[in-house]
């Protein structure tokens, strides 16, 4: 899943999100990404055994690099990889913040 959120006119971009997962095994992952205009960049990965893989949401905050600023094509994405119907990735309260230029 991905969404475009323009950061045009803003700098010092901060990405806040509540993420969590449950019932992951081996190679199963929940990954959050951002688009830098050329490629998807990983922000966070939750895998089996991580503290965030406890069935609860965890508020996270990331200061993104300068390449996230002033982009009309800025995007966020989430992927759940190698999972099946008994694995759960949780995403809530997504915010993109910045300081106006």
PDB file of N, CA and C in Angstrom:
ATOM      1  N   UNK A   1       0.841  -1.154   0.000  1.00  0.00           N
ATOM      2  CA  UNK A   1       0.000   0.000   0.000  1.00  0.00           C
ATOM      3  C   UNK A   1       0.897   1.231   0.000  1.00  0.00           C
ATOM      4  N   UNK A   2       0.600   2.215  -0.847  1.00  0.00           N
ATOM      5  CA  UNK A   2       1.356   3.463  -0.809  1.00  0.00           C
ATOM      6  C   UNK A   2       0.437   4.650  -1.044  1.00  0.00           C
ATOM      7  N   UNK A   3       0.874   5.797  -0.541  1.00  0.00           N
ATOM      8  CA  UNK A   3       0.118   7.040  -0.667  1.00  0.00           C
ATOM      9  C   UNK A   3       1.087   8.181  -0.956  1.00  0.00           C
ATOM     10  N   UNK A   4       0.655   9.104  -1.815  1.00  0.00           N
ATOM     11  CA  UNK A   4       1.420  10.312  -2.093  1.00  0.00           C
ATOM     12  C   UNK A   4       0.962  11.413  -1.147  1.00  0.00           C
ATOM     13  N   UNK A   5       1.929  12.080  -0.526  1.00  0.00           N
ATOM     14  CA  UNK A   5       1.667  13.209   0.368  1.00  0.00           C
ATOM     15  C   UNK A   5       2.681  14.282  -0.002  1.00  0.00           C
ATOM     16  N   UNK A   6       2.241  15.369  -0.591  1.00  0.00           N
ATOM     17  CA  UNK A   6       3.173  16.403  -1.024  1.00  0.00           C
ATOM     18  C   UNK A   6       3.867  17.058   0.168  1.00  0.00           C
ATOM     19  N   UNK A   7       5.183  17.188   0.056  1.00  0.00           N
ATOM     20  CA  UNK A   7       5.953  17.951   1.041  1.00  0.00           C
ATOM     21  C   UNK A   7       6.462  19.246   0.409  1.00  0.00           C
ATOM     22  N   UNK A   8       5.919  19.602  -0.767  1.00  0.00           N
ATOM     23  CA  UNK A   8       6.319  20.841  -1.435  1.00  0.00           C
ATOM     24  C   UNK A   8       6.058  22.019  -0.503  1.00  0.00           C
ATOM     25  N   UNK A   9       7.068  22.872  -0.357  1.00  0.00           N
ATOM     26  CA  UNK A   9       6.946  24.031   0.520  1.00  0.00           C
ATOM     27  C   UNK A   9       7.300  23.753   1.966  1.00  0.00           C
ATOM     28  N   UNK A  10       7.824  22.548   2.243  1.00  0.00           N
ATOM     29  CA  UNK A  10       8.177  22.171   3.619  1.00  0.00           C
ATOM     30  C   UNK A  10       9.569  21.548   3.661  1.00  0.00           C
ATOM     31  N   UNK A  11      10.252  21.758   4.777  1.00  0.00           N
ATOM     32  CA  UNK A  11      11.556  21.123   5.016  1.00  0.00           C
ATOM     33  C   UNK A  11      11.549  20.501   6.411  1.00  0.00           C
ATOM     34  N   UNK A  12      12.638  19.851   6.784  1.00  0.00           N
ATOM     35  CA  UNK A  12      12.745  19.150   8.074  1.00  0.00           C
ATOM     36  C   UNK A  12      11.547  18.212   8.275  1.00  0.00           C
ATOM     37  N   UNK A  13      11.396  17.290   7.358  1.00  0.00           N
ATOM     38  CA  UNK A  13      10.245  16.387   7.355  1.00  0.00           C
ATOM     39  C   UNK A  13      10.389  15.332   8.450  1.00  0.00           C
ATOM     40  N   UNK A  14       9.317  15.178   9.211  1.00  0.00           N
ATOM     41  CA  UNK A  14       9.237  14.178  10.274  1.00  0.00           C
ATOM     42  C   UNK A  14       8.063  13.267   9.959  1.00  0.00           C
ATOM     43  N   UNK A  15       8.297  11.996  10.094  1.00  0.00           N
ATOM     44  CA  UNK A  15       7.286  10.974   9.824  1.00  0.00           C
ATOM     45  C   UNK A  15       6.966  10.275  11.137  1.00  0.00           C
ATOM     46  N   UNK A  16       5.696  10.335  11.535  1.00  0.00           N
ATOM     47  CA  UNK A  16       5.236   9.649  12.746  1.00  0.00           C
ATOM     48  C   UNK A  16       4.222   8.587  12.351  1.00  0.00           C
ATOM     49  N   UNK A  17       4.300   7.454  13.024  1.00  0.00           N
ATOM     50  CA  UNK A  17       3.379   6.359  12.730  1.00  0.00           C
ATOM     51  C   UNK A  17       3.351   5.409  13.925  1.00  0.00           C
ATOM     52  N   UNK A  18       2.228   4.762  14.112  1.00  0.00           N
ATOM     53  CA  UNK A  18       2.134   3.676  15.093  1.00  0.00           C
ATOM     54  C   UNK A  18       2.174   2.369  14.308  1.00  0.00           C
ATOM     55  N   UNK A  19       3.163   1.537  14.598  1.00  0.00           N
ATOM     56  CA  UNK A  19       3.343   0.256  13.911  1.00  0.00           C
ATOM     57  C   UNK A  19       3.398  -0.872  14.924  1.00  0.00           C
ATOM     58  N   UNK A  20       2.997  -2.036  14.489  1.00  0.00           N
ATOM     59  CA  UNK A  20       3.119  -3.234  15.302  1.00  0.00           C
ATOM     60  C   UNK A  20       2.880  -4.460  14.446  1.00  0.00           C
ATOM     61  N   UNK A  21       3.120  -5.610  15.021  1.00  0.00           N
ATOM     62  CA  UNK A  21       2.928  -6.871  14.307  1.00  0.00           C
ATOM     63  C   UNK A  21       2.689  -7.979  15.319  1.00  0.00           C
ATOM     64  N   UNK A  22       2.186  -9.106  14.812  1.00  0.00           N
ATOM     65  CA  UNK A  22       1.955 -10.274  15.669  1.00  0.00           C
ATOM     66  C   UNK A  22       2.031 -11.540  14.830  1.00  0.00           C
ATOM     67  N   UNK A  23       2.474 -12.597  15.461  1.00  0.00           N
ATOM     68  CA  UNK A  23       2.476 -13.954  14.895  1.00  0.00           C
ATOM     69  C   UNK A  23       3.436 -14.139  13.727  1.00  0.00           C
ATOM     70  N   UNK A  24       4.485 -13.344  13.645  1.00  0.00           N
ATOM     71  CA  UNK A  24       5.462 -13.521  12.582  1.00  0.00           C
ATOM     72  C   UNK A  24       6.375 -14.700  12.893  1.00  0.00           C
ATOM     73  N   UNK A  25       6.817 -15.368  11.825  1.00  0.00           N
ATOM     74  CA  UNK A  25       7.816 -16.419  11.920  1.00  0.00           C
ATOM     75  C   UNK A  25       8.935 -16.093  10.928  1.00  0.00           C
ATOM     76  N   UNK A  26      10.070 -16.679  11.156  1.00  0.00           N
ATOM     77  CA  UNK A  26      11.235 -16.668  10.252  1.00  0.00           C
ATOM     78  C   UNK A  26      11.393 -15.385   9.442  1.00  0.00           C
ATOM     79  N   UNK A  27      11.098 -15.434   8.135  1.00  0.00           N
ATOM     80  CA  UNK A  27      11.398 -14.316   7.237  1.00  0.00           C
ATOM     81  C   UNK A  27      10.262 -13.312   7.090  1.00  0.00           C
ATOM     82  N   UNK A  28       9.199 -13.428   7.851  1.00  0.00           N
ATOM     83  CA  UNK A  28       8.056 -12.513   7.720  1.00  0.00           C
ATOM     84  C   UNK A  28       8.411 -11.136   8.269  1.00  0.00           C
ATOM     85  N   UNK A  29       7.954 -10.098   7.556  1.00  0.00           N
ATOM     86  CA  UNK A  29       8.340  -8.726   7.881  1.00  0.00           C
ATOM     87  C   UNK A  29       7.194  -7.749   7.611  1.00  0.00           C
ATOM     88  N   UNK A  30       7.163  -6.673   8.397  1.00  0.00           N
ATOM     89  CA  UNK A  30       6.393  -5.473   8.081  1.00  0.00           C
ATOM     90  C   UNK A  30       7.428  -4.381   7.853  1.00  0.00           C
ATOM     91  N   UNK A  31       7.377  -3.746   6.682  1.00  0.00           N
ATOM     92  CA  UNK A  31       8.375  -2.735   6.344  1.00  0.00           C
ATOM     93  C   UNK A  31       7.674  -1.440   5.964  1.00  0.00           C
ATOM     94  N   UNK A  32       8.154  -0.325   6.516  1.00  0.00           N
ATOM     95  CA  UNK A  32       7.697   1.015   6.151  1.00  0.00           C
ATOM     96  C   UNK A  32       8.769   1.646   5.261  1.00  0.00           C
ATOM     97  N   UNK A  33       8.326   2.327   4.198  1.00  0.00           N
ATOM     98  CA  UNK A  33       9.227   2.933   3.222  1.00  0.00           C
ATOM     99  C   UNK A  33       8.834   4.394   2.962  1.00  0.00           C
ATOM    100  N   UNK A  34       9.771   5.141   2.386  1.00  0.00           N
ATOM    101  CA  UNK A  34       9.450   6.435   1.780  1.00  0.00           C
ATOM    102  C   UNK A  34      10.123   6.499   0.413  1.00  0.00           C
ATOM    103  N   UNK A  35       9.541   7.292  -0.494  1.00  0.00           N
ATOM    104  CA  UNK A  35      10.016   7.415  -1.870  1.00  0.00           C
ATOM    105  C   UNK A  35      10.878   8.664  -2.002  1.00  0.00           C
ATOM    106  N   UNK A  36      12.101   8.518  -2.503  1.00  0.00           N
ATOM    107  CA  UNK A  36      13.008   9.661  -2.641  1.00  0.00           C
ATOM    108  C   UNK A  36      13.027  10.238  -4.056  1.00  0.00           C
ATOM    109  N   UNK A  37      12.103   9.804  -4.898  1.00  0.00           N
ATOM    110  CA  UNK A  37      12.041  10.260  -6.278  1.00  0.00           C
ATOM    111  C   UNK A  37      12.695   9.295  -7.247  1.00  0.00           C
ATOM    112  N   UNK A  38      13.508   8.370  -6.727  1.00  0.00           N
ATOM    113  CA  UNK A  38      14.180   7.389  -7.573  1.00  0.00           C
ATOM    114  C   UNK A  38      14.000   5.962  -7.070  1.00  0.00           C
ATOM    115  N   UNK A  39      13.893   5.796  -5.757  1.00  0.00           N
ATOM    116  CA  UNK A  39      13.800   4.445  -5.186  1.00  0.00           C
ATOM    117  C   UNK A  39      13.109   4.498  -3.825  1.00  0.00           C
ATOM    118  N   UNK A  40      12.556   3.367  -3.419  1.00  0.00           N
ATOM    119  CA  UNK A  40      11.963   3.244  -2.087  1.00  0.00           C
ATOM    120  C   UNK A  40      13.071   3.060  -1.061  1.00  0.00           C
ATOM    121  N   UNK A  41      13.001   3.824   0.004  1.00  0.00           N
ATOM    122  CA  UNK A  41      13.973   3.758   1.094  1.00  0.00           C
ATOM    123  C   UNK A  41      13.294   3.177   2.335  1.00  0.00           C
ATOM    124  N   UNK A  42      13.910   2.190   2.947  1.00  0.00           N
ATOM    125  CA  UNK A  42      13.347   1.597   4.165  1.00  0.00           C
ATOM    126  C   UNK A  42      13.475   2.573   5.328  1.00  0.00           C
ATOM    127  N   UNK A  43      12.391   2.690   6.087  1.00  0.00           N
ATOM    128  CA  UNK A  43      12.396   3.509   7.298  1.00  0.00           C
ATOM    129  C   UNK A  43      12.467   2.610   8.526  1.00  0.00           C
ATOM    130  N   UNK A  44      11.650   1.564   8.518  1.00  0.00           N
ATOM    131  CA  UNK A  44      11.563   0.677   9.684  1.00  0.00           C
ATOM    132  C   UNK A  44      11.177  -0.716   9.220  1.00  0.00           C
ATOM    133  N   UNK A  45      11.722  -1.729   9.879  1.00  0.00           N
ATOM    134  CA  UNK A  45      11.369  -3.121   9.629  1.00  0.00           C
ATOM    135  C   UNK A  45      11.035  -3.779  10.960  1.00  0.00           C
ATOM    136  N   UNK A  46       9.893  -4.462  11.006  1.00  0.00           N
ATOM    137  CA  UNK A  46       9.527  -5.265  12.179  1.00  0.00           C
ATOM    138  C   UNK A  46       9.540  -6.718  11.737  1.00  0.00           C
ATOM    139  N   UNK A  47      10.272  -7.548  12.489  1.00  0.00           N
ATOM    140  CA  UNK A  47      10.377  -8.970  12.144  1.00  0.00           C
ATOM    141  C   UNK A  47      10.131  -9.822  13.381  1.00  0.00           C
ATOM    142  N   UNK A  48      10.069 -11.115  13.177  1.00  0.00           N
ATOM    143  CA  UNK A  48       9.856 -12.062  14.267  1.00  0.00           C
ATOM    144  C   UNK A  48      10.860 -11.821  15.393  1.00  0.00           C
ATOM    145  N   UNK A  49      10.360 -11.723  16.614  1.00  0.00           N
ATOM    146  CA  UNK A  49      11.217 -11.552  17.775  1.00  0.00           C
ATOM    147  C   UNK A  49      11.522 -10.119  18.151  1.00  0.00           C
ATOM    148  N   UNK A  50      11.200  -9.158  17.282  1.00  0.00           N
ATOM    149  CA  UNK A  50      11.403  -7.753  17.629  1.00  0.00           C
ATOM    150  C   UNK A  50      10.429  -7.349  18.734  1.00  0.00           C
ATOM    151  N   UNK A  51      10.802  -6.385  19.572  1.00  0.00           N
ATOM    152  CA  UNK A  51       9.892  -5.936  20.635  1.00  0.00           C
ATOM    153  C   UNK A  51       8.548  -5.434  20.099  1.00  0.00           C
ATOM    154  N   UNK A  52       8.536  -4.890  18.872  1.00  0.00           N
ATOM    155  CA  UNK A  52       7.298  -4.370  18.276  1.00  0.00           C
ATOM    156  C   UNK A  52       6.405  -5.472  17.707  1.00  0.00           C
ATOM    157  N   UNK A  53       6.859  -6.711  17.764  1.00  0.00           N
ATOM    158  CA  UNK A  53       6.083  -7.845  17.241  1.00  0.00           C
ATOM    159  C   UNK A  53       5.334  -8.507  18.404  1.00  0.00           C
ATOM    160  N   UNK A  54       4.694  -7.680  19.218  1.00  0.00           N
ATOM    161  CA  UNK A  54       4.003  -8.173  20.415  1.00  0.00           C
ATOM    162  C   UNK A  54       2.490  -7.973  20.359  1.00  0.00           C
ATOM    163  N   UNK A  55       1.951  -7.652  19.179  1.00  0.00           N
ATOM    164  CA  UNK A  55       0.513  -7.485  19.026  1.00  0.00           C
ATOM    165  C   UNK A  55      -0.009  -6.118  19.413  1.00  0.00           C
ATOM    166  N   UNK A  56       0.877  -5.189  19.766  1.00  0.00           N
ATOM    167  CA  UNK A  56       0.467  -3.838  20.162  1.00  0.00           C
ATOM    168  C   UNK A  56       1.030  -2.817  19.177  1.00  0.00           C
ATOM    169  N   UNK A  57       0.400  -1.650  19.143  1.00  0.00           N
ATOM    170  CA  UNK A  57       0.924  -0.544  18.351  1.00  0.00           C
ATOM    171  C   UNK A  57       2.009   0.188  19.136  1.00  0.00           C
ATOM    172  N   UNK A  58       3.031   0.640  18.421  1.00  0.00           N
ATOM    173  CA  UNK A  58       4.155   1.363  19.021  1.00  0.00           C
ATOM    174  C   UNK A  58       4.355   2.658  18.246  1.00  0.00           C
ATOM    175  N   UNK A  59       4.256   3.795  18.932  1.00  0.00           N
ATOM    176  CA  UNK A  59       4.452   5.080  18.281  1.00  0.00           C
ATOM    177  C   UNK A  59       5.925   5.259  17.933  1.00  0.00           C
ATOM    178  N   UNK A  60       6.185   5.604  16.670  1.00  0.00           N
ATOM    179  CA  UNK A  60       7.553   5.791  16.181  1.00  0.00           C
ATOM    180  C   UNK A  60       7.643   7.138  15.488  1.00  0.00           C
ATOM    181  N   UNK A  61       8.819   7.738  15.541  1.00  0.00           N
ATOM    182  CA  UNK A  61       9.041   9.022  14.888  1.00  0.00           C
ATOM    183  C   UNK A  61      10.390   8.987  14.193  1.00  0.00           C
ATOM    184  N   UNK A  62      10.403   9.444  12.939  1.00  0.00           N
ATOM    185  CA  UNK A  62      11.610   9.416  12.123  1.00  0.00           C
ATOM    186  C   UNK A  62      11.837  10.782  11.487  1.00  0.00           C
ATOM    187  N   UNK A  63      13.011  11.348  11.668  1.00  0.00           N
ATOM    188  CA  UNK A  63      13.411  12.558  10.952  1.00  0.00           C
ATOM    189  C   UNK A  63      13.996  12.098   9.624  1.00  0.00           C
ATOM    190  N   UNK A  64      13.358  12.486   8.534  1.00  0.00           N
ATOM    191  CA  UNK A  64      13.791  12.021   7.218  1.00  0.00           C
ATOM    192  C   UNK A  64      14.881  12.929   6.661  1.00  0.00           C
ATOM    193  N   UNK A  65      15.714  12.406   5.761  1.00  0.00           N
ATOM    194  CA  UNK A  65      16.785  13.209   5.177  1.00  0.00           C
ATOM    195  C   UNK A  65      16.233  14.342   4.306  1.00  0.00           C
ATOM    196  N   UNK A  66      17.116  15.262   3.949  1.00  0.00           N
ATOM    197  CA  UNK A  66      16.729  16.447   3.174  1.00  0.00           C
ATOM    198  C   UNK A  66      16.019  16.089   1.871  1.00  0.00           C
ATOM    199  N   UNK A  67      16.299  14.928   1.309  1.00  0.00           N
ATOM    200  CA  UNK A  67      15.654  14.511   0.066  1.00  0.00           C
ATOM    201  C   UNK A  67      14.153  14.323   0.172  1.00  0.00           C
ATOM    202  N   UNK A  68      13.619  14.282   1.382  1.00  0.00           N
ATOM    203  CA  UNK A  68      12.166  14.158   1.582  1.00  0.00           C
ATOM    204  C   UNK A  68      11.466  15.509   1.510  1.00  0.00           C
ATOM    205  N   UNK A  69      12.219  16.602   1.597  1.00  0.00           N
ATOM    206  CA  UNK A  69      11.644  17.950   1.616  1.00  0.00           C
ATOM    207  C   UNK A  69      11.308  18.431   0.208  1.00  0.00           C
ATOM    208  N   UNK A  70      10.327  19.318   0.132  1.00  0.00           N
ATOM    209  CA  UNK A  70       9.968  20.002  -1.121  1.00  0.00           C
ATOM    210  C   UNK A  70       9.694  19.047  -2.273  1.00  0.00           C
ATOM    211  N   UNK A  71       8.982  17.966  -2.001  1.00  0.00           N
ATOM    212  CA  UNK A  71       8.681  16.965  -3.029  1.00  0.00           C
ATOM    213  C   UNK A  71       7.175  16.865  -3.228  1.00  0.00           C
ATOM    214  N   UNK A  72       6.716  17.170  -4.412  1.00  0.00           N
ATOM    215  CA  UNK A  72       5.293  16.968  -4.706  1.00  0.00           C
ATOM    216  C   UNK A  72       4.991  15.486  -4.894  1.00  0.00           C
ATOM    217  N   UNK A  73       6.041  14.687  -5.132  1.00  0.00           N
ATOM    218  CA  UNK A  73       5.870  13.249  -5.352  1.00  0.00           C
ATOM    219  C   UNK A  73       6.314  12.411  -4.151  1.00  0.00           C
ATOM    220  N   UNK A  74       6.407  13.025  -2.969  1.00  0.00           N
ATOM    221  CA  UNK A  74       6.771  12.279  -1.764  1.00  0.00           C
ATOM    222  C   UNK A  74       5.726  11.199  -1.517  1.00  0.00           C
ATOM    223  N   UNK A  75       6.179   9.996  -1.195  1.00  0.00           N
ATOM    224  CA  UNK A  75       5.266   8.875  -0.952  1.00  0.00           C
ATOM    225  C   UNK A  75       5.700   8.096   0.274  1.00  0.00           C
ATOM    226  N   UNK A  76       4.715   7.481   0.917  1.00  0.00           N
ATOM    227  CA  UNK A  76       4.927   6.519   1.991  1.00  0.00           C
ATOM    228  C   UNK A  76       4.354   5.198   1.540  1.00  0.00           C
ATOM    229  N   UNK A  77       4.943   4.106   1.987  1.00  0.00           N
ATOM    230  CA  UNK A  77       4.422   2.783   1.646  1.00  0.00           C
ATOM    231  C   UNK A  77       4.657   1.827   2.804  1.00  0.00           C
ATOM    232  N   UNK A  78       3.828   0.801   2.838  1.00  0.00           N
ATOM    233  CA  UNK A  78       3.952  -0.264   3.830  1.00  0.00           C
ATOM    234  C   UNK A  78       3.817  -1.585   3.098  1.00  0.00           C
ATOM    235  N   UNK A  79       4.625  -2.552   3.470  1.00  0.00           N
ATOM    236  CA  UNK A  79       4.527  -3.880   2.890  1.00  0.00           C
ATOM    237  C   UNK A  79       4.672  -4.937   3.963  1.00  0.00           C
ATOM    238  N   UNK A  80       3.872  -5.968   3.852  1.00  0.00           N
ATOM    239  CA  UNK A  80       4.004  -7.129   4.740  1.00  0.00           C
ATOM    240  C   UNK A  80       4.500  -8.275   3.861  1.00  0.00           C
ATOM    241  N   UNK A  81       5.708  -8.754   4.129  1.00  0.00           N
ATOM    242  CA  UNK A  81       6.389  -9.687   3.243  1.00  0.00           C
ATOM    243  C   UNK A  81       6.472 -11.086   3.840  1.00  0.00           C
ATOM    244  N   UNK A  82       6.260 -12.079   2.978  1.00  0.00           N
ATOM    245  CA  UNK A  82       6.334 -13.507   3.320  1.00  0.00           C
ATOM    246  C   UNK A  82       5.310 -13.907   4.374  1.00  0.00           C
ATOM    247  N   UNK A  83       4.272 -13.122   4.538  1.00  0.00           N
ATOM    248  CA  UNK A  83       3.260 -13.391   5.560  1.00  0.00           C
ATOM    249  C   UNK A  83       2.091 -14.172   4.963  1.00  0.00           C
ATOM    250  N   UNK A  84       1.323 -14.802   5.852  1.00  0.00           N
ATOM    251  CA  UNK A  84       0.101 -15.483   5.425  1.00  0.00           C
ATOM    252  C   UNK A  84      -1.065 -14.962   6.262  1.00  0.00           C
ATOM    253  N   UNK A  85      -2.213 -15.609   6.151  1.00  0.00           N
ATOM    254  CA  UNK A  85      -3.426 -15.099   6.802  1.00  0.00           C
ATOM    255  C   UNK A  85      -3.405 -15.193   8.325  1.00  0.00           C
ATOM    256  N   UNK A  86      -2.401 -15.832   8.899  1.00  0.00           N
ATOM    257  CA  UNK A  86      -2.309 -15.899  10.362  1.00  0.00           C
ATOM    258  C   UNK A  86      -1.261 -14.931  10.916  1.00  0.00           C
ATOM    259  N   UNK A  87      -0.750 -14.032  10.060  1.00  0.00           N
ATOM    260  CA  UNK A  87       0.237 -13.030  10.461  1.00  0.00           C
ATOM    261  C   UNK A  87      -0.408 -11.650  10.370  1.00  0.00           C
ATOM    262  N   UNK A  88      -0.023 -10.760  11.271  1.00  0.00           N
ATOM    263  CA  UNK A  88      -0.708  -9.479  11.369  1.00  0.00           C
ATOM    264  C   UNK A  88       0.281  -8.324  11.447  1.00  0.00           C
ATOM    265  N   UNK A  89       0.099  -7.333  10.568  1.00  0.00           N
ATOM    266  CA  UNK A  89       0.840  -6.081  10.629  1.00  0.00           C
ATOM    267  C   UNK A  89      -0.148  -4.968  10.922  1.00  0.00           C
ATOM    268  N   UNK A  90       0.208  -4.078  11.839  1.00  0.00           N
ATOM    269  CA  UNK A  90      -0.685  -3.005  12.267  1.00  0.00           C
ATOM    270  C   UNK A  90      -0.073  -1.653  11.928  1.00  0.00           C
ATOM    271  N   UNK A  91      -0.899  -0.753  11.360  1.00  0.00           N
ATOM    272  CA  UNK A  91      -0.472   0.589  10.973  1.00  0.00           C
ATOM    273  C   UNK A  91      -1.581   1.549  11.382  1.00  0.00           C
ATOM    274  N   UNK A  92      -1.228   2.624  12.094  1.00  0.00           N
ATOM    275  CA  UNK A  92      -2.235   3.594  12.526  1.00  0.00           C
ATOM    276  C   UNK A  92      -1.567   4.951  12.740  1.00  0.00           C
ATOM    277  N   UNK A  93      -2.390   5.982  12.776  1.00  0.00           N
ATOM    278  CA  UNK A  93      -1.958   7.348  13.132  1.00  0.00           C
ATOM    279  C   UNK A  93      -0.752   7.829  12.330  1.00  0.00           C
ATOM    280  N   UNK A  94      -0.843   7.742  11.015  1.00  0.00           N
ATOM    281  CA  UNK A  94       0.245   8.178  10.140  1.00  0.00           C
ATOM    282  C   UNK A  94       0.218   9.707  10.019  1.00  0.00           C
ATOM    283  N   UNK A  95       1.362  10.341  10.278  1.00  0.00           N
ATOM    284  CA  UNK A  95       1.485  11.795  10.158  1.00  0.00           C
ATOM    285  C   UNK A  95       2.782  12.136   9.435  1.00  0.00           C
ATOM    286  N   UNK A  96       2.714  13.137   8.563  1.00  0.00           N
ATOM    287  CA  UNK A  96       3.899  13.705   7.928  1.00  0.00           C
ATOM    288  C   UNK A  96       3.918  15.180   8.310  1.00  0.00           C
ATOM    289  N   UNK A  97       4.979  15.593   8.994  1.00  0.00           N
ATOM    290  CA  UNK A  97       5.096  16.961   9.500  1.00  0.00           C
ATOM    291  C   UNK A  97       6.311  17.635   8.886  1.00  0.00           C
ATOM    292  N   UNK A  98       6.263  18.950   8.777  1.00  0.00           N
ATOM    293  CA  UNK A  98       7.402  19.702   8.285  1.00  0.00           C
ATOM    294  C   UNK A  98       7.284  21.162   8.675  1.00  0.00           C
ATOM    295  N   UNK A  99       8.332  21.896   8.418  1.00  0.00           N
ATOM    296  CA  UNK A  99       8.370  23.331   8.687  1.00  0.00           C
ATOM    297  C   UNK A  99       8.221  24.053   7.353  1.00  0.00           C
ATOM    298  N   UNK A 100       7.290  25.003   7.291  1.00  0.00           N
ATOM    299  CA  UNK A 100       7.049  25.737   6.050  1.00  0.00           C
ATOM    300  C   UNK A 100       8.290  26.525   5.648  1.00  0.00           C
ATOM    301  N   UNK A 101       8.573  26.527   4.342  1.00  0.00           N
ATOM    302  CA  UNK A 101       9.736  27.272   3.822  1.00  0.00           C
ATOM    303  C   UNK A 101       9.507  28.765   3.943  1.00  0.00           C
TER     304      UNK A 101
END
